Amino acid sequence: MKYFKYIIFFSLAFSEYLIDESKSKVMYYGNHPLHSWVGKTSSIMIKSECKSNNKLNCNFEFRIPFMSFYSGNDNRDSNMLYNVNAFLHPDIIMIFNDFIIRELNNIYIKGKLSINGILREIEIPLNIYAISDNRYSIQSFFSISLDEFNIKTPKLLFLSIDNDIKIEVSLLVNKI
C-alpha cells in the first residue's frame, strides 16, 4: 500500500494536468445484427510532461483500464476482456506528442493508440473548449477496427459483431 501511494504521488508530481473523473467519460459502441450496446468508463488517467519554456506545449499519455468498462452485462464485459487480451495488456494507451493546449474546433490530431499490445498511429477529430484559464473540455468521436489490433471478432449465434467500434471521448481537464 505504501508503494502504491508513492506511485500516485510520483505520477501527480510530474503531471501538469488532471482529469476530472466525475465529469469525464469514454464510451465504446458495439453492434451485432441482433442488438447494440455501449460500454462506459470514467477511469481515465493522464500523464503529461510540458516543455519548460512553454508550459502549453506538452506530451500526453492517456490510460484507461479495460477492467473499468461496464456495458450493463457482466457476461459481455467478461468476453470483451478475454477478446482484447486485457489480462496481458490491461490498459488502452493513447499518446500525443508536442501538443499545444488551446481552444480548437474541428481539428485532427495524430497520436498513437495501443490496444492488445498493438501500437498504431491514428488520427482523430478533436474539439477543445476553454472553460477557464486552467480548465478545458475535450471532445472526440472516432472509430477503430478490431482487425487493426489483432482482436478476434466475437460471435453470438454464429453471427459476428461489427468489426468497427465507435469511440466517444468527453473529458474535463484541469491544468494544475
N, C-alpha and C. Protein backbone atom coordinates (compact mmCIF):
# COMPACT_ATOMS: atom_id res chain seq x y z
N MET A 1 0.82 -1.19 0.00
CA MET A 1 0.00 0.00 0.00
C MET A 1 0.87 1.25 0.00
N LYS A 2 1.92 1.24 0.78
CA LYS A 2 2.83 2.37 0.85
C LYS A 2 3.47 2.63 -0.52
N TYR A 3 3.84 1.53 -1.21
CA TYR A 3 4.44 1.63 -2.54
C TYR A 3 3.46 2.27 -3.52
N PHE A 4 2.18 1.86 -3.44
CA PHE A 4 1.15 2.41 -4.31
C PHE A 4 1.00 3.91 -4.12
N LYS A 5 1.05 4.39 -2.87
CA LYS A 5 0.94 5.82 -2.59
C LYS A 5 2.08 6.60 -3.22
N TYR A 6 3.28 6.04 -3.21
CA TYR A 6 4.43 6.70 -3.84
C TYR A 6 4.26 6.79 -5.35
N ILE A 7 3.69 5.75 -5.96
CA ILE A 7 3.46 5.77 -7.40
C ILE A 7 2.47 6.88 -7.74
N ILE A 8 1.38 6.98 -6.99
CA ILE A 8 0.39 8.04 -7.23
C ILE A 8 1.03 9.40 -7.05
N PHE A 9 1.77 9.61 -5.98
CA PHE A 9 2.43 10.90 -5.74
C PHE A 9 3.40 11.22 -6.87
N PHE A 10 4.20 10.23 -7.28
CA PHE A 10 5.18 10.44 -8.35
C PHE A 10 4.48 10.82 -9.64
N SER A 11 3.36 10.14 -9.97
CA SER A 11 2.62 10.45 -11.18
C SER A 11 2.06 11.87 -11.14
N LEU A 12 1.51 12.27 -10.00
CA LEU A 12 0.94 13.61 -9.89
C LEU A 12 2.01 14.69 -9.88
N ALA A 13 3.15 14.39 -9.28
CA ALA A 13 4.21 15.39 -9.17
C ALA A 13 4.77 15.76 -10.54
N PHE A 14 4.70 14.86 -11.49
CA PHE A 14 5.26 15.14 -12.81
C PHE A 14 4.20 15.32 -13.87
N SER A 15 2.97 15.54 -13.46
CA SER A 15 1.89 15.77 -14.40
C SER A 15 1.42 17.20 -14.27
N GLU A 16 1.16 17.84 -15.39
CA GLU A 16 0.73 19.23 -15.39
C GLU A 16 -0.79 19.35 -15.49
N TYR A 17 -1.47 18.24 -15.79
CA TYR A 17 -2.92 18.23 -15.98
C TYR A 17 -3.54 17.07 -15.22
N LEU A 18 -4.79 17.26 -14.79
CA LEU A 18 -5.56 16.20 -14.14
C LEU A 18 -6.92 16.10 -14.81
N ILE A 19 -7.46 14.90 -14.87
CA ILE A 19 -8.78 14.68 -15.43
C ILE A 19 -9.80 14.67 -14.29
N ASP A 20 -10.87 15.41 -14.46
CA ASP A 20 -11.98 15.39 -13.51
C ASP A 20 -12.85 14.18 -13.87
N GLU A 21 -12.62 13.07 -13.16
CA GLU A 21 -13.32 11.82 -13.48
C GLU A 21 -14.82 11.92 -13.27
N SER A 22 -15.27 12.81 -12.39
CA SER A 22 -16.71 12.93 -12.15
C SER A 22 -17.43 13.56 -13.35
N LYS A 23 -16.69 14.23 -14.22
CA LYS A 23 -17.29 14.89 -15.38
C LYS A 23 -16.68 14.42 -16.70
N SER A 24 -15.99 13.29 -16.68
CA SER A 24 -15.34 12.76 -17.88
C SER A 24 -15.80 11.33 -18.12
N LYS A 25 -15.80 10.94 -19.40
CA LYS A 25 -16.17 9.57 -19.73
C LYS A 25 -15.62 9.20 -21.11
N VAL A 26 -15.42 7.90 -21.26
CA VAL A 26 -15.10 7.32 -22.56
C VAL A 26 -16.12 6.21 -22.77
N MET A 27 -16.71 6.18 -23.96
CA MET A 27 -17.71 5.16 -24.27
C MET A 27 -17.34 4.48 -25.59
N TYR A 28 -17.59 3.19 -25.65
CA TYR A 28 -17.44 2.49 -26.91
C TYR A 28 -18.79 1.91 -27.30
N TYR A 29 -19.08 1.91 -28.60
CA TYR A 29 -20.35 1.44 -29.13
C TYR A 29 -20.10 0.21 -29.99
N GLY A 30 -20.78 -0.87 -29.66
CA GLY A 30 -20.66 -2.11 -30.43
C GLY A 30 -22.00 -2.47 -31.03
N ASN A 31 -21.93 -3.17 -32.16
CA ASN A 31 -23.15 -3.59 -32.86
C ASN A 31 -23.06 -5.05 -33.26
N HIS A 32 -24.19 -5.72 -33.14
CA HIS A 32 -24.38 -7.10 -33.57
C HIS A 32 -25.69 -7.08 -34.35
N PRO A 33 -25.87 -7.97 -35.31
CA PRO A 33 -27.15 -7.95 -36.06
C PRO A 33 -28.39 -8.02 -35.18
N LEU A 34 -28.28 -8.57 -33.96
CA LEU A 34 -29.44 -8.70 -33.09
C LEU A 34 -29.58 -7.61 -32.04
N HIS A 35 -28.49 -6.86 -31.76
CA HIS A 35 -28.57 -5.82 -30.74
C HIS A 35 -27.33 -4.92 -30.80
N SER A 36 -27.41 -3.82 -30.09
CA SER A 36 -26.28 -2.89 -29.94
C SER A 36 -26.06 -2.66 -28.46
N TRP A 37 -24.88 -2.14 -28.09
CA TRP A 37 -24.58 -1.87 -26.69
C TRP A 37 -23.55 -0.75 -26.58
N VAL A 38 -23.43 -0.25 -25.36
CA VAL A 38 -22.47 0.81 -25.05
C VAL A 38 -21.71 0.39 -23.80
N GLY A 39 -20.38 0.47 -23.85
CA GLY A 39 -19.54 0.27 -22.67
C GLY A 39 -19.02 1.63 -22.23
N LYS A 40 -19.03 1.89 -20.93
CA LYS A 40 -18.66 3.22 -20.42
C LYS A 40 -17.63 3.10 -19.32
N THR A 41 -16.80 4.14 -19.20
CA THR A 41 -15.88 4.26 -18.07
C THR A 41 -15.60 5.72 -17.79
N SER A 42 -15.27 6.00 -16.54
CA SER A 42 -14.77 7.31 -16.13
C SER A 42 -13.37 7.20 -15.55
N SER A 43 -12.81 6.00 -15.59
CA SER A 43 -11.45 5.76 -15.06
C SER A 43 -10.42 6.08 -16.13
N ILE A 44 -10.05 7.34 -16.20
CA ILE A 44 -9.14 7.81 -17.23
C ILE A 44 -7.96 8.47 -16.53
N MET A 45 -6.77 7.96 -16.79
CA MET A 45 -5.57 8.52 -16.17
C MET A 45 -4.80 9.32 -17.22
N ILE A 46 -4.19 10.38 -16.78
CA ILE A 46 -3.42 11.22 -17.69
C ILE A 46 -2.03 11.44 -17.10
N LYS A 47 -1.05 11.38 -17.97
CA LYS A 47 0.32 11.76 -17.60
C LYS A 47 0.74 12.79 -18.62
N SER A 48 1.20 13.93 -18.14
CA SER A 48 1.62 14.98 -19.07
C SER A 48 3.00 15.48 -18.68
N GLU A 49 3.72 15.88 -19.69
CA GLU A 49 5.04 16.47 -19.48
C GLU A 49 5.13 17.66 -20.42
N CYS A 50 5.22 18.84 -19.84
CA CYS A 50 5.24 20.06 -20.64
C CYS A 50 6.66 20.61 -20.74
N LYS A 51 6.91 21.25 -21.84
CA LYS A 51 8.23 21.84 -22.06
C LYS A 51 8.43 23.00 -21.08
N SER A 52 9.61 23.12 -20.54
CA SER A 52 9.88 24.14 -19.51
C SER A 52 9.76 25.56 -20.07
N ASN A 53 10.06 25.76 -21.34
CA ASN A 53 9.99 27.11 -21.90
C ASN A 53 8.58 27.47 -22.37
N ASN A 54 7.71 26.48 -22.53
CA ASN A 54 6.34 26.74 -22.96
C ASN A 54 5.43 25.73 -22.28
N LYS A 55 4.81 26.11 -21.19
CA LYS A 55 4.00 25.19 -20.39
C LYS A 55 2.75 24.71 -21.10
N LEU A 56 2.43 25.26 -22.28
CA LEU A 56 1.28 24.80 -23.02
C LEU A 56 1.63 23.70 -24.01
N ASN A 57 2.89 23.57 -24.39
CA ASN A 57 3.32 22.55 -25.34
C ASN A 57 3.70 21.30 -24.54
N CYS A 58 2.90 20.25 -24.67
CA CYS A 58 3.06 19.09 -23.79
C CYS A 58 2.99 17.77 -24.55
N ASN A 59 3.52 16.75 -23.91
CA ASN A 59 3.34 15.36 -24.32
C ASN A 59 2.28 14.78 -23.38
N PHE A 60 1.33 14.05 -23.94
CA PHE A 60 0.25 13.48 -23.14
C PHE A 60 0.18 11.97 -23.33
N GLU A 61 -0.09 11.28 -22.24
CA GLU A 61 -0.36 9.85 -22.29
C GLU A 61 -1.64 9.61 -21.49
N PHE A 62 -2.63 9.06 -22.16
CA PHE A 62 -3.89 8.70 -21.51
C PHE A 62 -3.94 7.19 -21.36
N ARG A 63 -4.39 6.71 -20.19
CA ARG A 63 -4.54 5.28 -19.93
C ARG A 63 -5.94 5.01 -19.40
N ILE A 64 -6.53 3.96 -19.95
CA ILE A 64 -7.84 3.53 -19.50
C ILE A 64 -7.78 2.03 -19.24
N PRO A 65 -8.02 1.61 -18.01
CA PRO A 65 -8.03 0.17 -17.73
C PRO A 65 -9.25 -0.50 -18.37
N PHE A 66 -9.02 -1.58 -19.11
CA PHE A 66 -10.14 -2.32 -19.70
C PHE A 66 -11.13 -2.77 -18.64
N MET A 67 -10.62 -3.12 -17.45
CA MET A 67 -11.47 -3.62 -16.37
C MET A 67 -12.49 -2.58 -15.91
N SER A 68 -12.28 -1.31 -16.24
CA SER A 68 -13.17 -0.26 -15.76
C SER A 68 -14.41 -0.09 -16.64
N PHE A 69 -14.43 -0.68 -17.83
CA PHE A 69 -15.58 -0.52 -18.71
C PHE A 69 -16.76 -1.36 -18.22
N TYR A 70 -17.95 -0.79 -18.31
CA TYR A 70 -19.16 -1.51 -17.92
C TYR A 70 -20.23 -1.28 -18.98
N SER A 71 -20.78 -2.38 -19.51
CA SER A 71 -21.80 -2.29 -20.55
C SER A 71 -23.20 -2.62 -20.05
N GLY A 72 -23.30 -3.00 -18.77
CA GLY A 72 -24.60 -3.40 -18.25
C GLY A 72 -24.83 -4.91 -18.33
N ASN A 73 -23.84 -5.64 -18.87
CA ASN A 73 -23.96 -7.09 -19.00
C ASN A 73 -22.61 -7.71 -18.61
N ASP A 74 -22.56 -8.35 -17.45
CA ASP A 74 -21.29 -8.92 -16.95
C ASP A 74 -20.70 -9.94 -17.90
N ASN A 75 -21.53 -10.76 -18.55
CA ASN A 75 -21.04 -11.76 -19.49
C ASN A 75 -20.38 -11.10 -20.70
N ARG A 76 -21.00 -10.07 -21.23
CA ARG A 76 -20.44 -9.35 -22.38
C ARG A 76 -19.12 -8.68 -21.98
N ASP A 77 -19.07 -8.08 -20.78
CA ASP A 77 -17.85 -7.42 -20.32
C ASP A 77 -16.73 -8.43 -20.13
N SER A 78 -17.06 -9.60 -19.60
CA SER A 78 -16.06 -10.66 -19.43
C SER A 78 -15.52 -11.13 -20.77
N ASN A 79 -16.40 -11.29 -21.75
CA ASN A 79 -15.96 -11.68 -23.10
C ASN A 79 -15.10 -10.60 -23.73
N MET A 80 -15.43 -9.35 -23.50
CA MET A 80 -14.63 -8.24 -24.03
C MET A 80 -13.22 -8.32 -23.46
N LEU A 81 -13.11 -8.53 -22.15
CA LEU A 81 -11.78 -8.62 -21.52
C LEU A 81 -10.97 -9.76 -22.12
N TYR A 82 -11.61 -10.88 -22.37
CA TYR A 82 -10.92 -12.02 -22.97
C TYR A 82 -10.47 -11.70 -24.40
N ASN A 83 -11.36 -11.14 -25.20
CA ASN A 83 -11.06 -10.89 -26.61
C ASN A 83 -10.01 -9.81 -26.84
N VAL A 84 -9.93 -8.83 -25.96
CA VAL A 84 -8.93 -7.77 -26.14
C VAL A 84 -7.62 -8.12 -25.42
N ASN A 85 -7.58 -9.31 -24.80
CA ASN A 85 -6.36 -9.77 -24.13
C ASN A 85 -6.01 -8.86 -22.95
N ALA A 86 -7.04 -8.45 -22.21
CA ALA A 86 -6.86 -7.46 -21.14
C ALA A 86 -6.03 -7.96 -19.97
N PHE A 87 -5.89 -9.26 -19.82
CA PHE A 87 -5.10 -9.77 -18.70
C PHE A 87 -3.61 -9.68 -18.99
N LEU A 88 -3.27 -9.64 -20.28
CA LEU A 88 -1.88 -9.45 -20.68
C LEU A 88 -1.57 -7.97 -20.93
N HIS A 89 -2.54 -7.25 -21.49
CA HIS A 89 -2.40 -5.82 -21.81
C HIS A 89 -3.59 -5.10 -21.20
N PRO A 90 -3.50 -4.75 -19.91
CA PRO A 90 -4.68 -4.27 -19.17
C PRO A 90 -5.18 -2.88 -19.51
N ASP A 91 -4.40 -2.08 -20.22
CA ASP A 91 -4.80 -0.69 -20.47
C ASP A 91 -4.87 -0.36 -21.95
N ILE A 92 -5.77 0.54 -22.27
CA ILE A 92 -5.77 1.22 -23.56
C ILE A 92 -4.87 2.42 -23.34
N ILE A 93 -3.93 2.65 -24.25
CA ILE A 93 -2.99 3.76 -24.09
C ILE A 93 -3.06 4.63 -25.35
N MET A 94 -3.20 5.93 -25.14
CA MET A 94 -3.21 6.89 -26.25
C MET A 94 -2.16 7.94 -25.95
N ILE A 95 -1.27 8.19 -26.92
CA ILE A 95 -0.14 9.11 -26.73
C ILE A 95 -0.18 10.21 -27.78
N PHE A 96 -0.03 11.44 -27.32
CA PHE A 96 0.08 12.60 -28.20
C PHE A 96 1.36 13.35 -27.81
N ASN A 97 2.19 13.67 -28.78
CA ASN A 97 3.43 14.39 -28.51
C ASN A 97 3.38 15.79 -29.10
N ASP A 98 4.04 16.73 -28.39
CA ASP A 98 4.16 18.12 -28.83
C ASP A 98 2.81 18.73 -29.20
N PHE A 99 1.87 18.59 -28.28
CA PHE A 99 0.55 19.14 -28.50
C PHE A 99 0.39 20.41 -27.66
N ILE A 100 -0.14 21.44 -28.27
CA ILE A 100 -0.33 22.71 -27.58
C ILE A 100 -1.80 22.81 -27.17
N ILE A 101 -2.04 22.91 -25.86
CA ILE A 101 -3.40 23.02 -25.33
C ILE A 101 -3.91 24.44 -25.55
N ARG A 102 -4.95 24.55 -26.33
CA ARG A 102 -5.63 25.82 -26.55
C ARG A 102 -6.99 25.51 -27.16
N GLU A 103 -7.85 26.49 -27.21
CA GLU A 103 -9.18 26.26 -27.77
C GLU A 103 -9.07 25.99 -29.26
N LEU A 104 -9.58 24.84 -29.67
CA LEU A 104 -9.52 24.41 -31.06
C LEU A 104 -10.84 23.72 -31.42
N ASN A 105 -11.32 23.94 -32.61
CA ASN A 105 -12.54 23.29 -33.06
C ASN A 105 -12.30 22.58 -34.38
N ASN A 106 -12.83 21.40 -34.49
CA ASN A 106 -12.81 20.62 -35.73
C ASN A 106 -11.41 20.45 -36.32
N ILE A 107 -10.45 20.06 -35.47
CA ILE A 107 -9.12 19.76 -35.97
C ILE A 107 -8.92 18.25 -35.92
N TYR A 108 -7.88 17.79 -36.57
CA TYR A 108 -7.47 16.39 -36.48
C TYR A 108 -6.09 16.35 -35.87
N ILE A 109 -5.90 15.43 -34.94
CA ILE A 109 -4.62 15.31 -34.26
C ILE A 109 -4.10 13.88 -34.43
N LYS A 110 -2.80 13.78 -34.70
CA LYS A 110 -2.18 12.47 -34.83
C LYS A 110 -1.63 12.03 -33.48
N GLY A 111 -1.80 10.77 -33.21
CA GLY A 111 -1.29 10.19 -31.98
C GLY A 111 -1.03 8.71 -32.18
N LYS A 112 -0.73 8.03 -31.08
CA LYS A 112 -0.50 6.59 -31.11
C LYS A 112 -1.47 5.94 -30.15
N LEU A 113 -2.09 4.87 -30.61
CA LEU A 113 -3.07 4.13 -29.82
C LEU A 113 -2.57 2.71 -29.65
N SER A 114 -2.56 2.24 -28.39
CA SER A 114 -2.15 0.87 -28.10
C SER A 114 -3.32 0.11 -27.48
N ILE A 115 -3.70 -0.96 -28.16
CA ILE A 115 -4.73 -1.88 -27.68
C ILE A 115 -4.22 -3.29 -27.96
N ASN A 116 -4.37 -4.18 -26.99
CA ASN A 116 -3.95 -5.57 -27.15
C ASN A 116 -2.45 -5.66 -27.45
N GLY A 117 -1.69 -4.71 -26.96
CA GLY A 117 -0.24 -4.72 -27.18
C GLY A 117 0.17 -4.27 -28.58
N ILE A 118 -0.78 -3.86 -29.39
CA ILE A 118 -0.52 -3.39 -30.76
C ILE A 118 -0.56 -1.86 -30.76
N LEU A 119 0.52 -1.24 -31.21
CA LEU A 119 0.62 0.22 -31.28
C LEU A 119 0.40 0.68 -32.71
N ARG A 120 -0.58 1.55 -32.91
CA ARG A 120 -0.90 2.07 -34.23
C ARG A 120 -0.95 3.59 -34.20
N GLU A 121 -0.50 4.20 -35.29
CA GLU A 121 -0.72 5.64 -35.45
C GLU A 121 -2.17 5.83 -35.83
N ILE A 122 -2.75 6.89 -35.27
CA ILE A 122 -4.16 7.16 -35.51
C ILE A 122 -4.34 8.67 -35.59
N GLU A 123 -5.29 9.08 -36.37
CA GLU A 123 -5.64 10.50 -36.46
C GLU A 123 -7.11 10.61 -36.05
N ILE A 124 -7.38 11.46 -35.05
CA ILE A 124 -8.74 11.59 -34.55
C ILE A 124 -9.19 13.04 -34.60
N PRO A 125 -10.50 13.26 -34.74
CA PRO A 125 -11.03 14.62 -34.66
C PRO A 125 -11.03 15.08 -33.22
N LEU A 126 -10.86 16.37 -33.03
CA LEU A 126 -10.76 16.90 -31.66
C LEU A 126 -11.37 18.28 -31.59
N ASN A 127 -12.10 18.50 -30.51
CA ASN A 127 -12.62 19.83 -30.17
C ASN A 127 -12.19 20.13 -28.75
N ILE A 128 -11.58 21.27 -28.54
CA ILE A 128 -11.17 21.70 -27.20
C ILE A 128 -11.82 23.05 -26.93
N TYR A 129 -12.50 23.13 -25.79
CA TYR A 129 -13.16 24.37 -25.39
C TYR A 129 -12.55 24.83 -24.07
N ALA A 130 -12.11 26.06 -24.02
CA ALA A 130 -11.58 26.62 -22.78
C ALA A 130 -12.76 27.05 -21.91
N ILE A 131 -12.85 26.44 -20.74
CA ILE A 131 -13.90 26.81 -19.78
C ILE A 131 -13.40 27.96 -18.90
N SER A 132 -12.11 27.91 -18.60
CA SER A 132 -11.43 28.98 -17.88
C SER A 132 -9.96 28.90 -18.27
N ASP A 133 -9.11 29.70 -17.63
CA ASP A 133 -7.68 29.68 -17.96
C ASP A 133 -7.04 28.32 -17.68
N ASN A 134 -7.58 27.59 -16.71
CA ASN A 134 -6.96 26.33 -16.29
C ASN A 134 -7.87 25.12 -16.47
N ARG A 135 -8.95 25.25 -17.22
CA ARG A 135 -9.92 24.16 -17.36
C ARG A 135 -10.35 24.05 -18.82
N TYR A 136 -10.32 22.80 -19.34
CA TYR A 136 -10.65 22.57 -20.74
C TYR A 136 -11.62 21.40 -20.87
N SER A 137 -12.54 21.54 -21.80
CA SER A 137 -13.42 20.45 -22.18
C SER A 137 -12.89 19.90 -23.51
N ILE A 138 -12.67 18.59 -23.56
CA ILE A 138 -12.12 17.95 -24.75
C ILE A 138 -13.11 16.91 -25.24
N GLN A 139 -13.46 16.98 -26.52
CA GLN A 139 -14.44 16.07 -27.12
C GLN A 139 -13.86 15.42 -28.37
N SER A 140 -14.17 14.14 -28.57
CA SER A 140 -13.78 13.45 -29.79
C SER A 140 -14.73 12.29 -30.05
N PHE A 141 -14.90 11.96 -31.32
CA PHE A 141 -15.71 10.82 -31.72
C PHE A 141 -15.03 10.21 -32.94
N PHE A 142 -14.63 8.93 -32.84
CA PHE A 142 -13.92 8.27 -33.93
C PHE A 142 -14.18 6.77 -33.88
N SER A 143 -13.70 6.05 -34.88
CA SER A 143 -13.87 4.60 -34.94
C SER A 143 -12.52 3.92 -35.00
N ILE A 144 -12.49 2.69 -34.50
CA ILE A 144 -11.32 1.84 -34.66
C ILE A 144 -11.78 0.51 -35.24
N SER A 145 -10.86 -0.19 -35.88
CA SER A 145 -11.13 -1.50 -36.43
C SER A 145 -10.52 -2.56 -35.52
N LEU A 146 -11.30 -3.54 -35.12
CA LEU A 146 -10.78 -4.62 -34.27
C LEU A 146 -9.65 -5.36 -34.97
N ASP A 147 -9.75 -5.55 -36.28
CA ASP A 147 -8.71 -6.24 -37.05
C ASP A 147 -7.35 -5.57 -36.91
N GLU A 148 -7.33 -4.23 -36.89
CA GLU A 148 -6.06 -3.50 -36.80
C GLU A 148 -5.30 -3.78 -35.51
N PHE A 149 -6.02 -4.24 -34.49
CA PHE A 149 -5.40 -4.52 -33.20
C PHE A 149 -5.39 -6.02 -32.88
N ASN A 150 -5.50 -6.81 -33.93
CA ASN A 150 -5.48 -8.28 -33.82
C ASN A 150 -6.47 -8.80 -32.78
N ILE A 151 -7.67 -8.24 -32.80
CA ILE A 151 -8.72 -8.67 -31.90
C ILE A 151 -9.69 -9.53 -32.70
N LYS A 152 -9.85 -10.76 -32.26
CA LYS A 152 -10.78 -11.67 -32.92
C LYS A 152 -12.20 -11.14 -32.71
N THR A 153 -12.95 -11.04 -33.78
CA THR A 153 -14.30 -10.52 -33.71
C THR A 153 -15.21 -11.55 -33.04
N PRO A 154 -15.77 -11.20 -31.89
CA PRO A 154 -16.66 -12.14 -31.18
C PRO A 154 -17.92 -12.46 -31.99
N LYS A 155 -18.48 -13.64 -31.73
CA LYS A 155 -19.71 -14.07 -32.39
C LYS A 155 -20.77 -14.40 -31.34
N LEU A 156 -22.00 -14.17 -31.74
CA LEU A 156 -23.15 -14.57 -30.95
C LEU A 156 -24.14 -15.22 -31.91
N LEU A 157 -24.54 -16.44 -31.65
CA LEU A 157 -25.43 -17.20 -32.53
C LEU A 157 -24.88 -17.27 -33.95
N PHE A 158 -23.58 -17.53 -34.05
CA PHE A 158 -22.85 -17.69 -35.31
C PHE A 158 -22.74 -16.40 -36.13
N LEU A 159 -23.14 -15.28 -35.56
CA LEU A 159 -23.03 -14.00 -36.25
C LEU A 159 -22.01 -13.13 -35.53
N SER A 160 -21.09 -12.53 -36.29
CA SER A 160 -20.05 -11.68 -35.71
C SER A 160 -20.57 -10.29 -35.39
N ILE A 161 -19.95 -9.68 -34.39
CA ILE A 161 -20.23 -8.27 -34.14
C ILE A 161 -19.55 -7.47 -35.25
N ASP A 162 -19.91 -6.21 -35.39
CA ASP A 162 -19.26 -5.34 -36.38
C ASP A 162 -17.78 -5.20 -36.04
N ASN A 163 -16.95 -5.17 -37.04
CA ASN A 163 -15.51 -5.02 -36.86
C ASN A 163 -15.14 -3.61 -36.40
N ASP A 164 -15.95 -2.62 -36.78
CA ASP A 164 -15.69 -1.23 -36.39
C ASP A 164 -16.38 -0.92 -35.07
N ILE A 165 -15.62 -0.35 -34.15
CA ILE A 165 -16.12 0.06 -32.86
C ILE A 165 -16.01 1.58 -32.80
N LYS A 166 -17.11 2.23 -32.46
CA LYS A 166 -17.11 3.69 -32.35
C LYS A 166 -16.71 4.08 -30.93
N ILE A 167 -15.89 5.12 -30.82
CA ILE A 167 -15.38 5.60 -29.54
C ILE A 167 -15.81 7.05 -29.36
N GLU A 168 -16.37 7.36 -28.20
CA GLU A 168 -16.73 8.74 -27.86
C GLU A 168 -15.97 9.14 -26.61
N VAL A 169 -15.30 10.28 -26.68
CA VAL A 169 -14.50 10.78 -25.57
C VAL A 169 -15.02 12.14 -25.16
N SER A 170 -15.24 12.31 -23.86
CA SER A 170 -15.65 13.58 -23.30
C SER A 170 -14.88 13.78 -22.00
N LEU A 171 -13.91 14.70 -22.01
CA LEU A 171 -13.04 14.90 -20.85
C LEU A 171 -13.14 16.33 -20.34
N LEU A 172 -13.03 16.46 -19.04
CA LEU A 172 -12.84 17.76 -18.40
C LEU A 172 -11.46 17.71 -17.77
N VAL A 173 -10.56 18.56 -18.26
CA VAL A 173 -9.16 18.52 -17.87
C VAL A 173 -8.81 19.82 -17.15
N ASN A 174 -8.15 19.67 -16.01
CA ASN A 174 -7.70 20.82 -15.21
C ASN A 174 -6.19 20.95 -15.27
N LYS A 175 -5.71 22.14 -15.56
CA LYS A 175 -4.28 22.43 -15.50
C LYS A 175 -3.90 22.72 -14.05
N ILE A 176 -2.88 22.05 -13.54
CA ILE A 176 -2.50 22.26 -12.13
C ILE A 176 -1.22 23.05 -12.04
